[in-house]
């Protein structure tokens, strides 16, 4: 069973985070997960909000729906995500939105509990993540 097949069996709202690649949209679709590629993020996030507030809305809506975050760590600067950002604009300016999203998850225990980390092929145990960033 592939990872996307395994994730598609999760009976909850799923939102897929990843660096934008040619495979990101396909992986989210194969997992039956919502993503940034869906209109209004698939969650009814209002179009008029700032980019930062749209993403904050994603976190809020997924949590309100008892959902899970599927986070692809491939290509993500883990050390930068752990260090954090002075502002969303800093991440946006440096093309590190995915790192900002990971920072948001790492700094919120509820988000972290609801997150499954993977690389598109295998799921990671959270302790492996901590060992790689610390």
Protein backbone atom coordinates (compact mmCIF):
# COMPACT_ATOMS: atom_id res chain seq x y z
CA UNK A 1 0.00 0.00 0.00
CA UNK A 2 1.37 3.39 -0.96
CA UNK A 3 1.53 6.28 1.48
CA UNK A 4 -1.18 8.17 -0.39
CA UNK A 5 -3.45 5.11 -0.22
CA UNK A 6 -2.76 4.83 3.52
CA UNK A 7 -3.54 8.52 4.05
CA UNK A 8 -6.69 8.34 1.91
CA UNK A 9 -8.11 5.86 4.44
CA UNK A 10 -7.95 8.40 7.26
CA UNK A 11 -11.59 9.20 7.98
CA UNK A 12 -11.12 12.89 8.80
CA UNK A 13 -10.65 16.16 7.01
CA UNK A 14 -7.06 16.22 5.78
CA UNK A 15 -5.00 19.20 4.67
CA UNK A 16 -1.76 18.64 2.80
CA UNK A 17 1.19 20.99 3.30
CA UNK A 18 4.29 20.78 1.11
CA UNK A 19 6.70 22.79 -0.96
CA UNK A 20 5.05 23.59 -4.26
CA UNK A 21 6.22 21.00 -6.77
CA UNK A 22 4.71 19.20 -9.73
CA UNK A 23 3.81 16.35 -7.36
CA UNK A 24 2.18 18.36 -4.56
CA UNK A 25 -1.25 18.64 -6.15
CA UNK A 26 -1.29 14.99 -7.24
CA UNK A 27 -0.26 13.75 -3.80
CA UNK A 28 -2.98 15.80 -2.08
CA UNK A 29 -5.58 14.55 -4.54
CA UNK A 30 -4.45 10.92 -4.16
CA UNK A 31 -4.71 11.25 -0.37
CA UNK A 32 -8.16 12.80 -0.67
CA UNK A 33 -6.72 15.81 1.15
CA UNK A 34 -7.45 19.48 0.76
CA UNK A 35 -4.58 21.78 -0.21
CA UNK A 36 -3.60 25.24 -1.35
CA UNK A 37 -4.57 24.15 -4.87
CA UNK A 38 -8.27 23.89 -3.99
CA UNK A 39 -10.49 26.95 -4.39
CA UNK A 40 -10.69 28.68 -1.01
CA UNK A 41 -8.30 25.92 0.23
CA UNK A 42 -11.28 23.59 0.16
CA UNK A 43 -12.33 25.04 3.50
CA UNK A 44 -14.29 28.12 2.48
CA UNK A 45 -11.47 30.49 3.42
CA UNK A 46 -12.53 33.97 2.22
CA UNK A 47 -10.60 35.26 -0.78
CA UNK A 48 -10.35 38.82 0.57
CA UNK A 49 -8.10 37.84 3.50
CA UNK A 50 -4.36 38.41 3.44
CA UNK A 51 -2.18 35.40 2.61
CA UNK A 52 -1.19 35.06 6.26
CA UNK A 53 -4.78 35.15 7.47
CA UNK A 54 -5.84 32.63 4.83
CA UNK A 55 -3.26 30.21 6.20
CA UNK A 56 -4.26 30.94 9.78
CA UNK A 57 -7.82 30.19 8.64
CA UNK A 58 -6.66 26.82 7.31
CA UNK A 59 -5.25 25.89 10.73
CA UNK A 60 -8.39 27.08 12.47
CA UNK A 61 -10.82 25.28 10.15
CA UNK A 62 -8.94 21.98 10.14
CA UNK A 63 -8.84 22.02 13.95
CA UNK A 64 -12.54 22.95 14.21
CA UNK A 65 -13.32 19.95 11.99
CA UNK A 66 -11.11 17.59 14.03
CA UNK A 67 -8.93 17.13 10.98
CA UNK A 68 -5.30 16.25 10.41
CA UNK A 69 -2.39 17.95 8.71
CA UNK A 70 -0.30 15.91 6.29
CA UNK A 71 3.07 17.64 6.15
CA UNK A 72 5.64 16.74 3.49
CA UNK A 73 9.07 17.68 4.82
CA UNK A 74 10.86 17.21 1.49
CA UNK A 75 12.78 20.36 0.61
CA UNK A 76 11.78 22.14 3.83
CA UNK A 77 14.51 23.93 5.80
CA UNK A 78 13.85 22.33 9.18
CA UNK A 79 16.36 24.48 11.04
CA UNK A 80 14.74 27.66 9.70
CA UNK A 81 11.27 26.41 10.64
CA UNK A 82 12.47 25.64 14.15
CA UNK A 83 14.15 29.04 14.48
CA UNK A 84 11.00 30.80 13.34
CA UNK A 85 10.27 34.14 11.75
CA UNK A 86 9.91 37.70 12.94
CA UNK A 87 6.83 37.99 10.74
CA UNK A 88 4.91 36.22 8.00
CA UNK A 89 6.28 38.78 5.56
CA UNK A 90 9.83 37.61 6.31
CA UNK A 91 8.87 34.08 5.29
CA UNK A 92 6.95 35.29 2.25
CA UNK A 93 9.82 37.50 1.07
CA UNK A 94 12.29 34.60 1.35
CA UNK A 95 10.02 32.02 -0.32
CA UNK A 96 9.73 30.12 2.96
CA UNK A 97 5.97 29.91 3.42
CA UNK A 98 6.18 26.14 3.99
CA UNK A 99 8.77 26.73 6.71
CA UNK A 100 6.41 29.28 8.30
CA UNK A 101 3.59 26.70 8.17
CA UNK A 102 5.84 24.15 9.86
CA UNK A 103 6.86 26.75 12.46
CA UNK A 104 3.16 27.29 13.20
CA UNK A 105 2.69 23.55 13.74
CA UNK A 106 5.82 23.13 15.85
CA UNK A 107 4.81 25.96 18.17
CA UNK A 108 1.23 24.81 18.77
CA UNK A 109 0.79 21.52 20.65
CA UNK A 110 -2.72 20.98 19.26
CA UNK A 111 -1.54 21.42 15.68
CA UNK A 112 1.43 19.17 16.37
CA UNK A 113 -0.77 16.40 17.79
CA UNK A 114 -2.86 16.59 14.62
CA UNK A 115 0.08 16.45 12.22
CA UNK A 116 1.49 13.50 10.30
CA UNK A 117 4.96 14.11 8.88
CA UNK A 118 6.15 12.35 5.74
CA UNK A 119 8.37 12.73 2.68
CA UNK A 120 5.84 11.58 0.08
CA UNK A 121 6.92 7.97 0.41
CA UNK A 122 7.20 7.17 4.12
CA UNK A 123 5.64 8.50 7.29
CA UNK A 124 8.04 9.77 9.98
CA UNK A 125 7.77 9.30 13.71
CA UNK A 126 7.77 12.66 15.49
CA UNK A 127 10.86 11.76 17.55
CA UNK A 128 12.87 11.50 14.31
CA UNK A 129 11.82 15.04 13.44
CA UNK A 130 13.03 16.37 16.80
CA UNK A 131 16.36 14.55 16.50
CA UNK A 132 16.95 16.08 13.07
CA UNK A 133 16.27 19.65 14.16
CA UNK A 134 17.82 19.69 17.61
